[in-house]
Protein backbone atom coordinates (compact mmCIF):
# COMPACT_ATOMS: atom_id res chain seq x y z
CA MET A 1 69.35 122.46 97.88
CA SER A 2 71.39 123.69 100.77
CA ALA A 3 74.70 122.08 101.49
CA THR A 4 75.71 121.49 105.05
CA PRO A 5 79.14 123.00 105.63
CA THR A 6 81.77 120.62 106.88
CA ILE A 7 83.91 121.74 109.75
CA ALA A 8 87.52 120.61 109.70
CA ALA A 9 88.95 119.14 112.87
CA PRO A 10 91.20 121.61 114.64
CA SER A 11 94.84 120.85 114.04
CA LEU A 12 97.46 120.82 116.75
CA PRO A 13 99.66 123.90 116.88
CA ARG A 14 102.96 123.11 115.23
CA GLU A 15 104.85 124.54 118.19
CA ARG A 16 103.51 121.74 120.41
CA LEU A 17 105.15 119.21 118.11
CA LEU A 18 108.61 120.78 118.08
CA GLY A 19 109.81 118.32 120.72
CA ALA A 20 108.66 115.36 118.61
CA TYR A 21 110.33 116.87 115.55
CA LEU A 22 113.57 117.34 117.50
CA VAL A 23 113.55 113.75 118.76
CA MET A 24 112.87 112.38 115.27
CA GLY A 25 115.64 114.57 113.82
CA VAL A 26 118.13 113.38 116.43
CA LEU A 27 117.15 109.74 115.83
CA PHE A 28 117.52 110.26 112.10
CA GLY A 29 120.97 111.79 112.67
CA VAL A 30 122.01 108.81 114.81
CA VAL A 31 120.85 106.38 112.12
CA LEU A 32 122.74 108.33 109.44
CA THR A 33 125.89 108.39 111.57
CA LYS A 34 125.79 104.75 112.69
CA GLY A 35 124.94 103.61 109.16
CA GLU A 36 128.03 105.42 107.89
CA LEU A 37 125.89 107.56 105.60
CA VAL A 38 127.73 110.68 106.75
CA SER A 39 131.13 109.24 105.89
CA TRP A 40 132.95 111.22 103.24
CA TYR A 41 134.65 108.02 102.12
CA ARG A 42 131.32 106.18 101.67
CA ILE A 43 129.92 109.05 99.59
CA GLN A 44 133.05 109.29 97.45
CA GLU A 45 132.96 105.50 97.01
CA ALA A 46 129.40 105.72 95.71
CA LEU A 47 130.02 108.74 93.47
CA ARG A 48 132.96 106.91 91.89
CA PHE A 49 130.89 103.71 91.48
CA LYS A 50 133.43 101.79 93.59
CA GLY A 51 131.00 100.25 96.08
CA PRO A 52 127.31 99.36 96.30
CA TYR A 53 126.71 100.28 99.96
CA LEU A 54 125.09 103.69 99.46
CA TYR A 55 123.02 102.43 96.52
CA LEU A 56 121.73 99.55 98.64
CA VAL A 57 120.69 102.05 101.32
CA PHE A 58 118.88 104.12 98.65
CA ALA A 59 117.17 100.96 97.36
CA SER A 60 116.00 100.05 100.86
CA ALA A 61 114.59 103.58 101.28
CA VAL A 62 112.66 103.24 98.02
CA ALA A 63 111.45 99.77 99.09
CA VAL A 64 110.00 101.31 102.26
CA ALA A 65 108.73 104.59 100.78
CA ALA A 66 107.01 103.25 97.64
CA PRO A 67 104.48 101.06 99.49
CA ALA A 68 103.97 103.81 102.08
CA PHE A 69 103.09 106.36 99.38
CA ALA A 70 100.88 103.83 97.59
CA TRP A 71 99.06 103.27 100.88
CA LEU A 72 98.78 107.02 101.61
CA LYS A 73 97.38 108.13 98.24
CA PRO A 74 93.87 106.65 98.47
CA LYS A 75 93.52 107.16 102.23
CA ALA A 76 94.03 110.93 102.52
CA ALA A 77 95.80 110.28 105.81
CA ALA A 78 96.39 112.91 108.47
CA SER A 79 99.73 114.34 109.55
CA LEU A 80 100.83 114.75 113.17
CA THR A 81 99.14 118.16 113.22
CA GLY A 82 95.86 116.68 112.04
CA ASP A 83 96.08 118.25 108.57
CA ARG A 84 95.22 116.02 105.63
CA ILE A 85 98.16 114.78 103.57
CA ARG A 86 97.46 115.42 99.91
CA LEU A 87 99.72 114.10 97.18
CA PRO A 88 98.99 116.05 93.99
CA PRO A 89 99.92 114.38 90.69
CA LYS A 90 103.42 115.16 89.49
CA VAL A 91 103.66 117.22 86.33
CA LEU A 92 106.84 116.35 84.47
CA GLY A 93 108.59 118.90 82.32
CA ARG A 94 110.97 118.47 79.41
CA GLY A 95 113.75 117.23 81.66
CA THR A 96 116.15 120.16 81.45
CA ARG A 97 115.54 121.24 85.02
CA TYR A 98 116.04 117.70 86.29
CA VAL A 99 119.39 117.37 84.52
CA ALA A 100 120.53 120.82 85.68
CA GLY A 101 119.33 120.25 89.25
CA GLY A 102 120.87 116.78 89.40
CA ALA A 103 124.19 118.06 88.07
CA LEU A 104 124.23 120.92 90.58
CA SER A 105 123.28 118.61 93.43
CA GLY A 106 125.90 116.04 92.39
CA LEU A 107 128.54 118.74 92.15
CA GLY A 108 127.71 119.86 95.68
CA TRP A 109 127.87 116.28 96.94
CA GLY A 110 131.24 115.80 95.28
CA ILE A 111 132.75 119.01 96.64
CA VAL A 112 131.40 118.74 100.17
CA GLY A 113 131.22 114.97 100.43
CA ALA A 114 127.75 114.96 101.96
CA CYS A 115 124.14 115.50 100.95
CA PRO A 116 121.83 117.86 102.87
CA GLY A 117 120.52 115.35 105.45
CA PRO A 118 123.91 114.20 106.73
CA LEU A 119 125.19 117.79 106.88
CA PHE A 120 123.27 118.38 110.09
CA ALA A 121 124.24 114.94 111.45
CA LEU A 122 127.90 115.82 110.82
CA VAL A 123 127.47 119.05 112.80
CA GLY A 124 125.89 117.01 115.59
CA ALA A 125 128.78 114.54 115.45
CA GLY A 126 131.22 117.39 116.06
CA VAL A 127 132.48 118.17 112.55
CA GLY A 128 132.45 121.92 113.11
CA VAL A 129 133.46 122.93 109.58
CA MET A 130 130.09 121.64 108.35
CA VAL A 131 128.39 124.58 110.10
CA VAL A 132 129.61 126.74 107.21
CA VAL A 133 128.21 124.24 104.70
CA CYS A 134 124.86 124.13 106.57
CA LEU A 135 124.65 127.92 106.51
CA ALA A 136 125.41 127.89 102.78
CA ALA A 137 122.74 125.23 102.21
CA VAL A 138 120.16 127.25 104.14
CA ALA A 139 121.14 130.40 102.19
CA GLY A 140 120.81 128.51 98.90
CA THR A 141 117.40 127.14 99.90
CA TRP A 142 116.23 130.61 100.92
CA THR A 143 117.54 132.07 97.64
CA TYR A 144 115.66 129.45 95.63
CA GLY A 145 112.48 130.13 97.59
CA TYR A 146 112.88 133.84 96.94
CA LEU A 147 113.55 133.40 93.20
CA ARG A 148 111.12 130.54 92.59
CA PRO A 149 108.19 132.69 91.41
CA ARG A 150 110.43 134.21 88.73
CA LEU A 151 112.00 130.93 87.55
CA PRO A 152 110.62 128.94 84.61
CA HIS A 153 109.01 125.77 85.98
């Protein structure tokens, strides 16, 4: 019994898609800015449970994403580069890391007044001080990536 090898379709070089990524990022930044999702006051309002606006935006995102992921799972769809999108099953831990990560993330939101996505939109909108926050976010992400193999997961 000899198996015939399957040849994967060649994927597009990621560099060729940088323009599409840039356009999508700029559009996302415009939506965040026009939707007031980069507003420090909106974020503080949500973190203090004073207004439902941000939670309604989150709910609309879940309402769009949940059916999209449900549709993607059985299809093994392809990304823009032609690579197959695989969604491995999530392995849940004891919960400690989720509480710690959520507390750290919430603390950062409260201090800075913005989550990671709007940080870049704020820089694009001309809030220059957010460049420092973006650099700190990139440094924190790099540090986590560096330490991840040694962390208990």
